[in-house]
C-alpha atoms as a PDB file:
ATOM      1  CA  MET A   1      37.746   3.394   4.436  1.00  0.00           C
ATOM      2  CA  PRO A   2      34.038   3.366   3.578  1.00  0.00           C
ATOM      3  CA  ASN A   3      32.793   4.932   0.323  1.00  0.00           C
ATOM      4  CA  GLN A   4      31.631   8.331   1.051  1.00  0.00           C
ATOM      5  CA  ALA A   5      27.985   9.050   0.073  1.00  0.00           C
ATOM      6  CA  THR A   6      26.592  12.494  -0.912  1.00  0.00           C
ATOM      7  CA  SER A   7      24.498  14.388   1.481  1.00  0.00           C
ATOM      8  CA  ALA A   8      21.384  13.930  -0.726  1.00  0.00           C
ATOM      9  CA  GLU A   9      21.615  10.068  -0.326  1.00  0.00           C
ATOM     10  CA  ILE A  10      21.664  10.085   3.515  1.00  0.00           C
ATOM     11  CA  LYS A  11      18.341   8.971   4.913  1.00  0.00           C
ATOM     12  CA  LEU A  12      19.454   7.681   8.395  1.00  0.00           C
ATOM     13  CA  LEU A  13      21.741   9.323  10.945  1.00  0.00           C
ATOM     14  CA  VAL A  14      23.008   7.073  13.762  1.00  0.00           C
ATOM     15  CA  LEU A  15      24.540   8.701  16.835  1.00  0.00           C
ATOM     16  CA  ASP A  16      26.630   7.170  19.584  1.00  0.00           C
ATOM     17  CA  ILE A  17      26.035   8.765  23.049  1.00  0.00           C
ATOM     18  CA  ASP A  18      29.125   8.941  25.282  1.00  0.00           C
ATOM     19  CA  GLY A  19      31.904  10.939  23.729  1.00  0.00           C
ATOM     20  CA  THR A  20      29.770  11.839  20.749  1.00  0.00           C
ATOM     21  CA  ILE A  21      26.589  13.606  21.790  1.00  0.00           C
ATOM     22  CA  ALA A  22      27.208  13.578  25.468  1.00  0.00           C
ATOM     23  CA  GLY A  23      30.388  14.762  26.948  1.00  0.00           C
ATOM     24  CA  VAL A  24      31.424  15.639  30.551  1.00  0.00           C
ATOM     25  CA  SER A  25      27.972  17.111  31.383  1.00  0.00           C
ATOM     26  CA  ASN A  26      26.224  13.868  30.492  1.00  0.00           C
ATOM     27  CA  GLU A  27      23.683  15.799  28.501  1.00  0.00           C
ATOM     28  CA  ILE A  28      23.103  16.638  24.902  1.00  0.00           C
ATOM     29  CA  ARG A  29      24.050  20.353  24.383  1.00  0.00           C
ATOM     30  CA  LYS A  30      21.714  22.808  22.553  1.00  0.00           C
ATOM     31  CA  PRO A  31      23.773  22.984  19.297  1.00  0.00           C
ATOM     32  CA  VAL A  32      23.646  19.315  18.794  1.00  0.00           C
ATOM     33  CA  ILE A  33      19.820  19.055  19.521  1.00  0.00           C
ATOM     34  CA  GLU A  34      19.300  21.924  17.049  1.00  0.00           C
ATOM     35  CA  ALA A  35      21.426  20.233  14.376  1.00  0.00           C
ATOM     36  CA  VAL A  36      19.612  16.970  14.860  1.00  0.00           C
ATOM     37  CA  ARG A  37      16.269  18.741  14.619  1.00  0.00           C
ATOM     38  CA  ALA A  38      17.317  20.601  11.385  1.00  0.00           C
ATOM     39  CA  ALA A  39      18.346  17.145   9.797  1.00  0.00           C
ATOM     40  CA  GLN A  40      14.988  15.689  10.826  1.00  0.00           C
ATOM     41  CA  ALA A  41      13.199  18.578   9.172  1.00  0.00           C
ATOM     42  CA  LYS A  42      14.984  17.616   5.861  1.00  0.00           C
ATOM     43  CA  GLY A  43      13.595  14.138   6.178  1.00  0.00           C
ATOM     44  CA  VAL A  44      16.633  12.365   7.773  1.00  0.00           C
ATOM     45  CA  GLN A  45      15.650   9.771  10.429  1.00  0.00           C
ATOM     46  CA  VAL A  46      17.888   9.628  13.502  1.00  0.00           C
ATOM     47  CA  ALA A  47      18.653   6.729  15.785  1.00  0.00           C
ATOM     48  CA  ILE A  48      20.952   5.960  18.753  1.00  0.00           C
ATOM     49  CA  ALA A  49      23.515   3.137  18.787  1.00  0.00           C
ATOM     50  CA  THR A  50      25.168   2.835  22.193  1.00  0.00           C
ATOM     51  CA  GLY A  51      26.963   0.468  24.489  1.00  0.00           C
ATOM     52  CA  ARG A  52      24.809   1.829  27.376  1.00  0.00           C
ATOM     53  CA  MET A  53      21.913  -0.142  28.900  1.00  0.00           C
ATOM     54  CA  TYR A  54      18.539   0.257  27.235  1.00  0.00           C
ATOM     55  CA  ARG A  55      17.145   1.998  30.295  1.00  0.00           C
ATOM     56  CA  ALA A  56      20.174   4.289  30.539  1.00  0.00           C
ATOM     57  CA  ALA A  57      19.837   5.304  26.803  1.00  0.00           C
ATOM     58  CA  ILE A  58      16.113   6.077  26.574  1.00  0.00           C
ATOM     59  CA  ARG A  59      16.456   9.683  27.863  1.00  0.00           C
ATOM     60  CA  PHE A  60      18.847  10.426  24.851  1.00  0.00           C
ATOM     61  CA  HIS A  61      16.567   8.731  22.402  1.00  0.00           C
ATOM     62  CA  GLU A  62      13.789  10.888  23.589  1.00  0.00           C
ATOM     63  CA  ALA A  63      15.861  14.046  23.621  1.00  0.00           C
ATOM     64  CA  ILE A  64      16.769  13.754  19.921  1.00  0.00           C
ATOM     65  CA  GLY A  65      13.048  12.962  19.185  1.00  0.00           C
ATOM     66  CA  SER A  66      13.883   9.663  17.498  1.00  0.00           C
ATOM     67  CA  THR A  67      10.986   7.401  16.352  1.00  0.00           C
ATOM     68  CA  LEU A  68      13.167   4.545  15.458  1.00  0.00           C
ATOM     69  CA  PRO A  69      14.083   1.385  17.527  1.00  0.00           C
ATOM     70  CA  LEU A  70      16.941   1.997  20.064  1.00  0.00           C
ATOM     71  CA  MET A  71      20.154   0.004  19.597  1.00  0.00           C
ATOM     72  CA  ALA A  72      21.609  -0.647  23.035  1.00  0.00           C
ATOM     73  CA  TYR A  73      24.355  -2.776  24.562  1.00  0.00           C
ATOM     74  CA  GLN A  74      26.509  -2.372  21.355  1.00  0.00           C
ATOM     75  CA  GLY A  75      23.537  -3.398  19.362  1.00  0.00           C
ATOM     76  CA  ALA A  76      22.885  -6.683  21.397  1.00  0.00           C
ATOM     77  CA  LEU A  77      19.329  -5.286  22.148  1.00  0.00           C
ATOM     78  CA  ILE A  78      17.289  -3.443  19.537  1.00  0.00           C
ATOM     79  CA  GLN A  79      13.976  -2.471  20.969  1.00  0.00           C
ATOM     80  CA  ASP A  80      11.274   0.280  20.055  1.00  0.00           C
ATOM     81  CA  PRO A  81      10.537   2.403  23.180  1.00  0.00           C
ATOM     82  CA  ARG A  82       7.048   3.461  21.777  1.00  0.00           C
ATOM     83  CA  THR A  83       5.780  -0.102  21.424  1.00  0.00           C
ATOM     84  CA  ASP A  84       8.346  -2.130  23.508  1.00  0.00           C
ATOM     85  CA  THR A  85       8.710  -4.388  20.542  1.00  0.00           C
ATOM     86  CA  VAL A  86      12.080  -6.232  20.640  1.00  0.00           C
ATOM     87  CA  TYR A  87      13.499  -6.789  17.246  1.00  0.00           C
ATOM     88  CA  ARG A  88      16.685  -8.430  18.292  1.00  0.00           C
ATOM     89  CA  HIS A  89      18.190  -9.628  21.556  1.00  0.00           C
ATOM     90  CA  TRP A  90      21.370 -11.608  21.414  1.00  0.00           C
ATOM     91  CA  THR A  91      22.761 -12.813  24.726  1.00  0.00           C
ATOM     92  CA  VAL A  92      26.213 -14.108  25.870  1.00  0.00           C
ATOM     93  CA  PRO A  93      26.308 -17.950  26.163  1.00  0.00           C
ATOM     94  CA  LYS A  94      26.374 -18.920  29.824  1.00  0.00           C
ATOM     95  CA  SER A  95      29.365 -21.202  29.355  1.00  0.00           C
ATOM     96  CA  LEU A  96      31.459 -18.269  28.125  1.00  0.00           C
ATOM     97  CA  VAL A  97      30.210 -15.989  30.763  1.00  0.00           C
ATOM     98  CA  LEU A  98      31.398 -18.443  33.358  1.00  0.00           C
ATOM     99  CA  GLN A  99      34.879 -18.692  31.699  1.00  0.00           C
ATOM    100  CA  LEU A 100      35.160 -14.857  31.687  1.00  0.00           C
ATOM    101  CA  LEU A 101      34.133 -14.682  35.347  1.00  0.00           C
ATOM    102  CA  ASP A 102      36.819 -17.291  36.249  1.00  0.00           C
ATOM    103  CA  TYR A 103      39.333 -15.085  34.355  1.00  0.00           C
ATOM    104  CA  PHE A 104      38.372 -11.836  36.121  1.00  0.00           C
ATOM    105  CA  GLU A 105      38.467 -13.585  39.468  1.00  0.00           C
ATOM    106  CA  GLN A 106      42.118 -14.769  39.264  1.00  0.00           C
ATOM    107  CA  PRO A 107      43.904 -13.544  42.407  1.00  0.00           C
ATOM    108  CA  GLU A 108      45.981 -10.968  40.553  1.00  0.00           C
ATOM    109  CA  LEU A 109      42.959  -9.520  38.930  1.00  0.00           C
ATOM    110  CA  ARG A 110      39.984  -9.905  41.316  1.00  0.00           C
ATOM    111  CA  SER A 111      40.639  -6.743  43.499  1.00  0.00           C
ATOM    112  CA  LEU A 112      41.405  -4.567  40.394  1.00  0.00           C
ATOM    113  CA  LEU A 113      38.388  -5.110  38.434  1.00  0.00           C
ATOM    114  CA  SER A 114      34.499  -4.223  38.889  1.00  0.00           C
ATOM    115  CA  VAL A 115      32.545  -6.798  37.010  1.00  0.00           C
ATOM    116  CA  HIS A 116      29.103  -6.060  35.681  1.00  0.00           C
ATOM    117  CA  PHE A 117      26.488  -8.460  34.337  1.00  0.00           C
ATOM    118  CA  TYR A 118      23.516  -6.975  32.417  1.00  0.00           C
ATOM    119  CA  ILE A 119      20.453  -9.261  32.572  1.00  0.00           C
ATOM    120  CA  ASN A 120      17.011  -8.273  31.603  1.00  0.00           C
ATOM    121  CA  ASP A 121      18.150  -4.573  31.517  1.00  0.00           C
ATOM    122  CA  GLN A 122      19.242  -4.832  35.143  1.00  0.00           C
ATOM    123  CA  LEU A 123      22.796  -4.286  36.356  1.00  0.00           C
ATOM    124  CA  TYR A 124      24.101  -7.134  38.664  1.00  0.00           C
ATOM    125  CA  VAL A 125      27.423  -6.715  40.418  1.00  0.00           C
ATOM    126  CA  ARG A 126      29.531  -8.649  42.994  1.00  0.00           C
ATOM    127  CA  GLU A 127      29.812  -5.635  45.244  1.00  0.00           C
ATOM    128  CA  ILE A 128      29.449  -1.800  44.934  1.00  0.00           C
ATOM    129  CA  THR A 129      32.852  -0.430  44.131  1.00  0.00           C
ATOM    130  CA  ALA A 130      33.858   3.136  43.595  1.00  0.00           C
ATOM    131  CA  GLU A 131      34.007   2.581  39.869  1.00  0.00           C
ATOM    132  CA  THR A 132      30.525   0.962  39.988  1.00  0.00           C
ATOM    133  CA  LYS A 133      29.197   3.984  41.933  1.00  0.00           C
ATOM    134  CA  GLU A 134      30.529   6.383  39.378  1.00  0.00           C
ATOM    135  CA  TYR A 135      29.119   4.345  36.538  1.00  0.00           C
ATOM    136  CA  ALA A 136      25.651   4.189  38.274  1.00  0.00           C
ATOM    137  CA  ILE A 137      25.474   7.931  38.704  1.00  0.00           C
ATOM    138  CA  ARG A 138      26.370   8.605  35.118  1.00  0.00           C
ATOM    139  CA  SER A 139      23.967   5.944  33.898  1.00  0.00           C
ATOM    140  CA  ASN A 140      21.225   6.701  36.463  1.00  0.00           C
ATOM    141  CA  VAL A 141      20.799   3.025  37.246  1.00  0.00           C
ATOM    142  CA  GLN A 142      20.711   1.122  40.494  1.00  0.00           C
ATOM    143  CA  PRO A 143      23.164  -1.673  40.636  1.00  0.00           C
ATOM    144  CA  ILE A 144      22.098  -4.881  42.423  1.00  0.00           C
ATOM    145  CA  PRO A 145      24.911  -6.424  44.459  1.00  0.00           C
ATOM    146  CA  ILE A 146      24.624 -10.171  44.819  1.00  0.00           C
ATOM    147  CA  GLY A 147      28.041 -11.453  45.857  1.00  0.00           C
ATOM    148  CA  ASP A 148      28.697 -14.459  43.628  1.00  0.00           C
ATOM    149  CA  LEU A 149      27.722 -13.296  40.159  1.00  0.00           C
ATOM    150  CA  ARG A 150      27.145 -16.936  39.155  1.00  0.00           C
ATOM    151  CA  THR A 151      23.859 -16.912  41.077  1.00  0.00           C
ATOM    152  CA  ALA A 152      22.479 -14.316  38.541  1.00  0.00           C
ATOM    153  CA  LEU A 153      23.054 -16.696  35.573  1.00  0.00           C
ATOM    154  CA  THR A 154      19.499 -18.143  35.544  1.00  0.00           C
ATOM    155  CA  THR A 155      19.300 -16.032  32.376  1.00  0.00           C
ATOM    156  CA  GLU A 156      22.042 -15.245  29.989  1.00  0.00           C
ATOM    157  CA  PRO A 157      23.466 -11.718  30.191  1.00  0.00           C
ATOM    158  CA  THR A 158      23.089  -9.260  27.351  1.00  0.00           C
ATOM    159  CA  LYS A 159      26.532  -7.982  28.131  1.00  0.00           C
ATOM    160  CA  VAL A 160      29.505  -8.430  30.463  1.00  0.00           C
ATOM    161  CA  LEU A 161      31.596  -5.517  31.411  1.00  0.00           C
ATOM    162  CA  ALA A 162      34.839  -5.268  33.437  1.00  0.00           C
ATOM    163  CA  LEU A 163      35.945  -1.845  34.493  1.00  0.00           C
ATOM    164  CA  SER A 164      38.953  -0.345  36.117  1.00  0.00           C
ATOM    165  CA  ASP A 165      40.518   3.183  36.415  1.00  0.00           C
ATOM    166  CA  ASP A 166      43.782   1.518  35.275  1.00  0.00           C
ATOM    167  CA  VAL A 167      43.632   2.164  31.537  1.00  0.00           C
ATOM    168  CA  ASP A 168      46.723  -0.082  30.839  1.00  0.00           C
ATOM    169  CA  LEU A 169      45.024  -2.923  32.684  1.00  0.00           C
ATOM    170  CA  ILE A 170      41.920  -2.756  30.495  1.00  0.00           C
ATOM    171  CA  SER A 171      44.005  -2.694  27.336  1.00  0.00           C
ATOM    172  CA  THR A 172      45.967  -5.603  28.542  1.00  0.00           C
ATOM    173  CA  LEU A 173      42.896  -7.493  29.463  1.00  0.00           C
ATOM    174  CA  LEU A 174      41.384  -6.928  26.063  1.00  0.00           C
ATOM    175  CA  GLY A 175      44.560  -8.087  24.260  1.00  0.00           C
ATOM    176  CA  ASN A 176      44.784 -11.233  26.431  1.00  0.00           C
ATOM    177  CA  LEU A 177      41.180 -12.183  25.940  1.00  0.00           C
ATOM    178  CA  GLN A 178      41.346 -11.636  22.215  1.00  0.00           C
ATOM    179  CA  SER A 179      44.078 -14.056  22.070  1.00  0.00           C
ATOM    180  CA  LEU A 180      41.914 -16.621  23.890  1.00  0.00           C
ATOM    181  CA  TYR A 181      38.703 -16.166  21.984  1.00  0.00           C
ATOM    182  CA  THR A 182      37.987 -15.843  18.357  1.00  0.00           C
ATOM    183  CA  PRO A 183      35.575 -13.292  16.945  1.00  0.00           C
ATOM    184  CA  ALA A 184      33.274 -16.255  16.261  1.00  0.00           C
ATOM    185  CA  GLU A 185      33.084 -17.010  20.002  1.00  0.00           C
ATOM    186  CA  LEU A 186      32.837 -13.411  21.580  1.00  0.00           C
ATOM    187  CA  TYR A 187      32.679  -9.805  20.503  1.00  0.00           C
ATOM    188  CA  LEU A 188      35.282  -8.050  22.551  1.00  0.00           C
ATOM    189  CA  THR A 189      35.790  -4.202  22.608  1.00  0.00           C
ATOM    190  CA  LYS A 190      36.398  -1.137  24.549  1.00  0.00           C
ATOM    191  CA  SER A 191      33.802   1.520  24.686  1.00  0.00           C
ATOM    192  CA  VAL A 192      35.958   3.838  26.755  1.00  0.00           C
ATOM    193  CA  ALA A 193      39.445   3.353  27.841  1.00  0.00           C
ATOM    194  CA  THR A 194      38.285   2.076  31.237  1.00  0.00           C
ATOM    195  CA  PHE A 195      35.616  -0.392  30.017  1.00  0.00           C
ATOM    196  CA  PHE A 196      36.243  -3.881  28.667  1.00  0.00           C
ATOM    197  CA  GLU A 197      33.111  -5.274  27.162  1.00  0.00           C
ATOM    198  CA  ALA A 198      31.976  -8.709  25.922  1.00  0.00           C
ATOM    199  CA  THR A 199      28.885  -9.569  23.960  1.00  0.00           C
ATOM    200  CA  ASN A 200      27.495 -12.373  21.657  1.00  0.00           C
ATOM    201  CA  PRO A 201      29.787 -12.692  18.671  1.00  0.00           C
ATOM    202  CA  LEU A 202      26.958 -11.661  16.235  1.00  0.00           C
ATOM    203  CA  VAL A 203      26.826  -8.261  18.031  1.00  0.00           C
ATOM    204  CA  SER A 204      28.310  -4.987  16.960  1.00  0.00           C
ATOM    205  CA  LYS A 205      27.005  -1.578  16.239  1.00  0.00           C
ATOM    206  CA  GLY A 206      27.786  -2.285  12.677  1.00  0.00           C
ATOM    207  CA  THR A 207      25.456  -5.359  12.423  1.00  0.00           C
ATOM    208  CA  ALA A 208      22.798  -3.346  14.397  1.00  0.00           C
ATOM    209  CA  VAL A 209      22.884  -0.427  12.062  1.00  0.00           C
ATOM    210  CA  ARG A 210      22.915  -2.615   8.989  1.00  0.00           C
ATOM    211  CA  TYR A 211      19.796  -4.380  10.389  1.00  0.00           C
ATOM    212  CA  LEU A 212      18.025  -1.092  11.124  1.00  0.00           C
ATOM    213  CA  ALA A 213      18.919   0.391   7.688  1.00  0.00           C
ATOM    214  CA  GLU A 214      18.399  -2.629   5.492  1.00  0.00           C
ATOM    215  CA  GLU A 215      15.847  -4.789   7.200  1.00  0.00           C
ATOM    216  CA  HIS A 216      13.853  -2.154   9.062  1.00  0.00           C
ATOM    217  CA  LEU A 217      13.975   0.844   6.729  1.00  0.00           C
ATOM    218  CA  GLY A 218      14.830  -0.728   3.413  1.00  0.00           C
ATOM    219  CA  LEU A 219      17.915   1.469   2.968  1.00  0.00           C
ATOM    220  CA  LYS A 220      21.444   0.899   1.758  1.00  0.00           C
ATOM    221  CA  ALA A 221      24.896   1.537   3.504  1.00  0.00           C
ATOM    222  CA  GLU A 222      25.214   4.665   1.210  1.00  0.00           C
ATOM    223  CA  ASN A 223      22.042   6.072   2.788  1.00  0.00           C
ATOM    224  CA  VAL A 224      23.551   6.059   6.305  1.00  0.00           C
ATOM    225  CA  MET A 225      25.694   8.521   8.227  1.00  0.00           C
ATOM    226  CA  ALA A 226      27.118   7.279  11.560  1.00  0.00           C
ATOM    227  CA  ILE A 227      28.946   9.294  14.175  1.00  0.00           C
ATOM    228  CA  GLY A 228      31.044   7.695  17.068  1.00  0.00           C
ATOM    229  CA  ASP A 229      34.145   8.218  19.148  1.00  0.00           C
ATOM    230  CA  ASN A 230      35.649   4.881  20.169  1.00  0.00           C
ATOM    231  CA  PHE A 231      36.590   1.255  19.262  1.00  0.00           C
ATOM    232  CA  ASN A 232      32.964   0.046  19.716  1.00  0.00           C
ATOM    233  CA  ASP A 233      31.990   2.477  17.002  1.00  0.00           C
ATOM    234  CA  VAL A 234      34.408   1.253  14.363  1.00  0.00           C
ATOM    235  CA  GLU A 235      31.990  -1.313  12.736  1.00  0.00           C
ATOM    236  CA  MET A 236      29.311   1.208  12.177  1.00  0.00           C
ATOM    237  CA  ILE A 237      31.632   3.912  10.978  1.00  0.00           C
ATOM    238  CA  GLU A 238      33.069   1.392   8.402  1.00  0.00           C
ATOM    239  CA  TYR A 239      29.522   0.272   7.346  1.00  0.00           C
ATOM    240  CA  ALA A 240      28.061   3.771   6.889  1.00  0.00           C
ATOM    241  CA  GLY A 241      28.231   5.668   3.577  1.00  0.00           C
ATOM    242  CA  VAL A 242      29.449   8.607   5.668  1.00  0.00           C
ATOM    243  CA  GLY A 243      31.429   7.480   8.759  1.00  0.00           C
ATOM    244  CA  VAL A 244      32.421  10.195  11.095  1.00  0.00           C
ATOM    245  CA  ALA A 245      34.811   9.944  14.136  1.00  0.00           C
ATOM    246  CA  MET A 246      34.915  12.562  16.799  1.00  0.00           C
ATOM    247  CA  GLY A 247      37.951  14.678  17.444  1.00  0.00           C
ATOM    248  CA  ASN A 248      38.351  12.961  20.861  1.00  0.00           C
ATOM    249  CA  ALA A 249      38.349   9.488  19.244  1.00  0.00           C
ATOM    250  CA  PRO A 250      41.574   7.438  19.416  1.00  0.00           C
ATOM    251  CA  ALA A 251      43.711   7.772  16.327  1.00  0.00           C
ATOM    252  CA  PRO A 252      42.984   4.330  14.979  1.00  0.00           C
ATOM    253  CA  VAL A 253      39.346   5.141  15.008  1.00  0.00           C
ATOM    254  CA  GLN A 254      39.819   8.441  13.258  1.00  0.00           C
ATOM    255  CA  ALA A 255      41.885   6.792  10.597  1.00  0.00           C
ATOM    256  CA  LEU A 256      38.907   4.634   9.529  1.00  0.00           C
ATOM    257  CA  ALA A 257      36.437   7.620   9.169  1.00  0.00           C
ATOM    258  CA  ASN A 258      35.561   9.631   6.094  1.00  0.00           C
ATOM    259  CA  TRP A 259      35.697  12.777   8.269  1.00  0.00           C
ATOM    260  CA  VAL A 260      36.897  13.802  11.778  1.00  0.00           C
ATOM    261  CA  ALA A 261      34.590  16.131  13.654  1.00  0.00           C
ATOM    262  CA  PRO A 262      35.667  18.564  16.407  1.00  0.00           C
ATOM    263  CA  ASP A 263      35.737  17.257  19.987  1.00  0.00           C
ATOM    264  CA  VAL A 264      32.523  16.439  21.815  1.00  0.00           C
ATOM    265  CA  GLU A 265      33.001  19.449  24.004  1.00  0.00           C
ATOM    266  CA  LYS A 266      33.045  21.665  20.979  1.00  0.00           C
ATOM    267  CA  ASP A 267      29.803  20.065  19.599  1.00  0.00           C
ATOM    268  CA  GLY A 268      31.578  18.099  16.983  1.00  0.00           C
ATOM    269  CA  ALA A 269      28.396  16.107  16.193  1.00  0.00           C
ATOM    270  CA  ALA A 270      26.593  19.277  15.230  1.00  0.00           C
ATOM    271  CA  ALA A 271      29.565  20.296  12.991  1.00  0.00           C
ATOM    272  CA  ALA A 272      29.324  16.907  11.304  1.00  0.00           C
ATOM    273  CA  ILE A 273      25.673  17.217  10.783  1.00  0.00           C
ATOM    274  CA  GLU A 274      25.923  20.683   9.414  1.00  0.00           C
ATOM    275  CA  ALA A 275      28.818  19.635   7.043  1.00  0.00           C
ATOM    276  CA  PHE A 276      27.075  16.602   5.523  1.00  0.00           C
ATOM    277  CA  LEU A 277      23.310  17.021   5.901  1.00  0.00           C
ATOM    278  CA  LEU A 278      22.585  20.698   6.138  1.00  0.00           C
END
């Protein structure tokens, strides 16, 4: 468990989006916005760290009035929406992407998984599946169906995602691939129960938040508060002086946090901000 900082030390608040500040409605509710604004009024800077595409996260970045770079794709891309300056962009090596694709396209898996490649902040898919349609609506992005995904690999992807409504299948997929690849080869995680995600091994929200705090703002871990709800948030929750897990987070994620907030549908992020910053 991270060392808990005092509220006076917190200078940076980092928020996940899905399951943390946005629930079923796919919008940030008024109590959360108001809590963020109150924290900003006290001099706390606020940033977004998300597994979402950059283009799908900007509206949340704007909604909270952030003036900091946006950490997207689990932190694989750190870019400032005001200036378009890219501070970091770590891609997945093509050789490993091809290996993952071969794995996903095994006969027993091919029809069960929707595979997404994220290249230059565009979403490339083999075909438009029901899962892809649902994802596209929530993310407000237009998928590009190209048949053989290998043809998109003229540029290395920022992230590879495999999704399925079968939660057990995704858990099994994650376990199997974690046994095939070391953390030095690929960063593998779940952002929600139905999403398997793979990025460059240097990527995590933890390394992204550390960069933003220490390199960009000159802060230390004890100056950071991070709020998240899933396994892809673990690294930033562990890094932060105050690491908060949402009430809807899986039990192992909650166990690593300093504090567990109410559920996203009960405006838990607002409760956490009020408890530690206001």
